[in-house]
Amino acid sequence: MAIKCPKCRVTVNVVPGGWTFEPPIGCVDLAGTSWGEKTELNWCPTLAAAMPKDTIWPGRTQRALIEEEIAMVRASK
């Protein structure tokens, strides 16, 4: 299964045992956050919304923290 991010050029591919991100760049939703500085896709709100509802997204345990930081960054702009 491959899912394209509606906001950037990243495509998530489900592979045995996990995920791959092509190209392996950071999430545009996480730009300006400490998560974005890591250029990780721990929990991308846009990609998560595009995923089928039964999909277990990597980093979902950190979802609330990530969303809170995104909100703070956006509020300070």
N, C-alpha and C. Protein backbone atom coordinates (compact mmCIF):
# COMPACT_ATOMS: atom_id res chain seq x y z
N MET A 1 0.85 -1.18 0.00
CA MET A 1 0.00 0.00 0.00
C MET A 1 0.90 1.24 0.00
N ALA A 2 0.57 2.20 -0.83
CA ALA A 2 1.31 3.46 -0.89
C ALA A 2 0.31 4.60 -0.72
N ILE A 3 0.67 5.55 0.14
CA ILE A 3 -0.21 6.69 0.39
C ILE A 3 0.60 7.97 0.18
N LYS A 4 0.11 8.83 -0.68
CA LYS A 4 0.76 10.10 -1.01
C LYS A 4 0.25 11.18 -0.07
N CYS A 5 1.17 11.98 0.46
CA CYS A 5 0.79 13.11 1.30
C CYS A 5 0.13 14.17 0.43
N PRO A 6 -1.01 14.70 0.86
CA PRO A 6 -1.67 15.74 0.08
C PRO A 6 -0.98 17.10 0.14
N LYS A 7 -0.01 17.27 1.06
CA LYS A 7 0.65 18.57 1.21
C LYS A 7 2.06 18.62 0.67
N CYS A 8 2.70 17.49 0.50
CA CYS A 8 4.09 17.50 0.03
C CYS A 8 4.33 16.31 -0.88
N ARG A 9 5.57 16.07 -1.21
CA ARG A 9 5.90 15.01 -2.17
C ARG A 9 6.23 13.67 -1.53
N VAL A 10 5.97 13.50 -0.24
CA VAL A 10 6.27 12.25 0.44
C VAL A 10 5.20 11.21 0.15
N THR A 11 5.66 10.00 -0.12
CA THR A 11 4.77 8.85 -0.25
C THR A 11 5.17 7.85 0.82
N VAL A 12 4.18 7.35 1.55
CA VAL A 12 4.41 6.34 2.58
C VAL A 12 4.12 4.98 1.96
N ASN A 13 5.04 4.07 2.12
CA ASN A 13 4.86 2.71 1.63
C ASN A 13 4.85 1.75 2.81
N VAL A 14 3.84 0.92 2.89
CA VAL A 14 3.77 -0.09 3.93
C VAL A 14 4.58 -1.28 3.43
N VAL A 15 5.56 -1.66 4.23
CA VAL A 15 6.42 -2.79 3.89
C VAL A 15 6.40 -3.76 5.06
N PRO A 16 6.77 -5.01 4.85
CA PRO A 16 6.79 -5.96 5.96
C PRO A 16 7.60 -5.41 7.14
N GLY A 17 6.97 -5.32 8.27
CA GLY A 17 7.66 -4.87 9.47
C GLY A 17 7.74 -3.36 9.65
N GLY A 18 7.07 -2.57 8.81
CA GLY A 18 7.13 -1.13 9.03
C GLY A 18 6.73 -0.29 7.85
N TRP A 19 7.46 0.82 7.70
CA TRP A 19 7.12 1.85 6.73
C TRP A 19 8.37 2.35 6.04
N THR A 20 8.21 2.86 4.83
CA THR A 20 9.28 3.62 4.19
C THR A 20 8.67 4.93 3.73
N PHE A 21 9.48 5.97 3.70
CA PHE A 21 9.04 7.29 3.28
C PHE A 21 9.90 7.71 2.11
N GLU A 22 9.28 8.01 0.99
CA GLU A 22 10.00 8.40 -0.22
C GLU A 22 9.51 9.74 -0.71
N PRO A 23 10.33 10.73 -0.86
CA PRO A 23 11.71 10.78 -0.38
C PRO A 23 11.71 10.92 1.14
N PRO A 24 12.80 10.55 1.79
CA PRO A 24 12.87 10.58 3.25
C PRO A 24 13.14 12.00 3.78
N ILE A 25 12.17 12.88 3.58
CA ILE A 25 12.32 14.26 4.05
C ILE A 25 11.39 14.50 5.23
N GLY A 26 11.56 15.60 5.90
CA GLY A 26 10.72 15.93 7.03
C GLY A 26 9.31 16.34 6.59
N CYS A 27 8.44 16.38 7.53
CA CYS A 27 7.03 16.70 7.31
C CYS A 27 6.81 18.21 7.28
N VAL A 28 6.06 18.69 6.29
CA VAL A 28 5.80 20.12 6.22
C VAL A 28 4.95 20.60 7.40
N ASP A 29 4.08 19.73 7.94
CA ASP A 29 3.28 20.10 9.10
C ASP A 29 4.13 20.28 10.35
N LEU A 30 5.29 19.64 10.37
CA LEU A 30 6.16 19.70 11.55
C LEU A 30 7.22 20.79 11.44
N ALA A 31 7.22 21.53 10.35
CA ALA A 31 8.22 22.59 10.15
C ALA A 31 8.14 23.60 11.30
N GLY A 32 9.29 23.94 11.86
CA GLY A 32 9.35 24.89 12.95
C GLY A 32 9.22 24.27 14.32
N THR A 33 8.96 22.97 14.38
CA THR A 33 8.85 22.28 15.66
C THR A 33 10.12 21.49 15.92
N SER A 34 10.29 21.03 17.14
CA SER A 34 11.44 20.19 17.45
C SER A 34 11.36 18.87 16.69
N TRP A 35 10.15 18.43 16.38
CA TRP A 35 9.97 17.20 15.60
C TRP A 35 10.44 17.42 14.16
N GLY A 36 10.15 18.58 13.61
CA GLY A 36 10.56 18.90 12.25
C GLY A 36 12.06 19.04 12.12
N GLU A 37 12.70 19.52 13.17
CA GLU A 37 14.16 19.67 13.16
C GLU A 37 14.85 18.32 13.04
N LYS A 38 14.18 17.28 13.48
CA LYS A 38 14.75 15.94 13.40
C LYS A 38 14.56 15.34 12.00
N THR A 39 13.84 16.06 11.15
CA THR A 39 13.44 15.58 9.81
C THR A 39 12.87 14.17 9.88
N GLU A 40 12.02 13.98 10.87
CA GLU A 40 11.37 12.69 11.04
C GLU A 40 9.91 12.81 10.68
N LEU A 41 9.31 11.69 10.44
CA LEU A 41 7.87 11.64 10.20
C LEU A 41 7.24 10.82 11.33
N ASN A 42 7.58 11.19 12.57
CA ASN A 42 7.07 10.45 13.72
C ASN A 42 5.56 10.36 13.71
N TRP A 43 4.91 11.46 13.52
CA TRP A 43 3.46 11.48 13.40
C TRP A 43 3.11 12.72 12.61
N CYS A 44 2.83 12.53 11.38
CA CYS A 44 2.46 13.64 10.50
C CYS A 44 0.94 13.73 10.47
N PRO A 45 0.35 14.84 10.90
CA PRO A 45 -1.10 14.94 10.94
C PRO A 45 -1.75 14.79 9.57
N THR A 46 -1.12 15.30 8.54
CA THR A 46 -1.69 15.20 7.20
C THR A 46 -1.66 13.77 6.68
N LEU A 47 -0.51 13.12 6.81
CA LEU A 47 -0.43 11.73 6.38
C LEU A 47 -1.31 10.83 7.22
N ALA A 48 -1.37 11.08 8.51
CA ALA A 48 -2.23 10.27 9.38
C ALA A 48 -3.69 10.39 8.96
N ALA A 49 -4.11 11.58 8.57
CA ALA A 49 -5.50 11.77 8.12
C ALA A 49 -5.76 11.06 6.80
N ALA A 50 -4.72 10.90 5.98
CA ALA A 50 -4.87 10.23 4.69
C ALA A 50 -4.83 8.70 4.81
N MET A 51 -4.37 8.21 5.95
CA MET A 51 -4.26 6.77 6.17
C MET A 51 -5.63 6.15 6.41
N PRO A 52 -5.80 4.89 6.05
CA PRO A 52 -7.03 4.18 6.43
C PRO A 52 -7.17 4.19 7.95
N LYS A 53 -8.39 4.25 8.42
CA LYS A 53 -8.65 4.40 9.87
C LYS A 53 -8.04 3.30 10.72
N ASP A 54 -7.88 2.10 10.19
CA ASP A 54 -7.35 0.99 10.99
C ASP A 54 -5.83 0.90 10.95
N THR A 55 -5.17 1.86 10.33
CA THR A 55 -3.71 1.86 10.21
C THR A 55 -3.08 2.32 11.51
N ILE A 56 -2.07 1.61 11.95
CA ILE A 56 -1.31 2.01 13.13
C ILE A 56 -0.15 2.86 12.63
N TRP A 57 -0.20 4.14 12.95
CA TRP A 57 0.79 5.11 12.47
C TRP A 57 1.97 5.16 13.43
N PRO A 58 3.21 5.15 12.90
CA PRO A 58 4.37 5.25 13.80
C PRO A 58 4.35 6.57 14.56
N GLY A 59 4.66 6.51 15.83
CA GLY A 59 4.72 7.71 16.65
C GLY A 59 3.38 8.18 17.17
N ARG A 60 2.33 7.39 16.99
CA ARG A 60 1.01 7.87 17.40
C ARG A 60 0.89 8.08 18.90
N THR A 61 1.76 7.44 19.67
CA THR A 61 1.74 7.66 21.12
C THR A 61 2.17 9.08 21.47
N GLN A 62 2.86 9.74 20.54
CA GLN A 62 3.31 11.11 20.76
C GLN A 62 2.40 12.13 20.09
N ARG A 63 1.30 11.68 19.55
CA ARG A 63 0.40 12.54 18.77
C ARG A 63 -0.01 13.81 19.51
N ALA A 64 -0.45 13.69 20.74
CA ALA A 64 -0.91 14.87 21.49
C ALA A 64 0.20 15.88 21.68
N LEU A 65 1.41 15.41 22.01
CA LEU A 65 2.55 16.32 22.18
C LEU A 65 2.89 17.02 20.88
N ILE A 66 2.88 16.27 19.80
CA ILE A 66 3.22 16.84 18.49
C ILE A 66 2.18 17.88 18.07
N GLU A 67 0.89 17.55 18.22
CA GLU A 67 -0.16 18.50 17.85
C GLU A 67 -0.09 19.77 18.69
N GLU A 68 0.23 19.62 19.96
CA GLU A 68 0.36 20.78 20.85
C GLU A 68 1.50 21.69 20.39
N GLU A 69 2.61 21.11 20.03
CA GLU A 69 3.75 21.91 19.57
C GLU A 69 3.44 22.59 18.23
N ILE A 70 2.77 21.87 17.33
CA ILE A 70 2.36 22.47 16.05
C ILE A 70 1.48 23.68 16.31
N ALA A 71 0.52 23.56 17.21
CA ALA A 71 -0.39 24.67 17.54
C ALA A 71 0.38 25.86 18.10
N MET A 72 1.37 25.61 18.97
CA MET A 72 2.15 26.70 19.55
C MET A 72 2.97 27.41 18.48
N VAL A 73 3.56 26.67 17.57
CA VAL A 73 4.37 27.26 16.50
C VAL A 73 3.48 28.12 15.59
N ARG A 74 2.33 27.60 15.24
CA ARG A 74 1.42 28.35 14.36
C ARG A 74 0.89 29.59 15.04
N ALA A 75 0.65 29.51 16.34
CA ALA A 75 0.12 30.66 17.08
C ALA A 75 1.16 31.77 17.20
N SER A 76 2.45 31.40 17.18
CA SER A 76 3.49 32.41 17.34
C SER A 76 3.86 33.09 16.03
N LYS A 77 3.29 32.64 14.93
CA LYS A 77 3.60 33.25 13.61
C LYS A 77 2.71 34.40 13.32
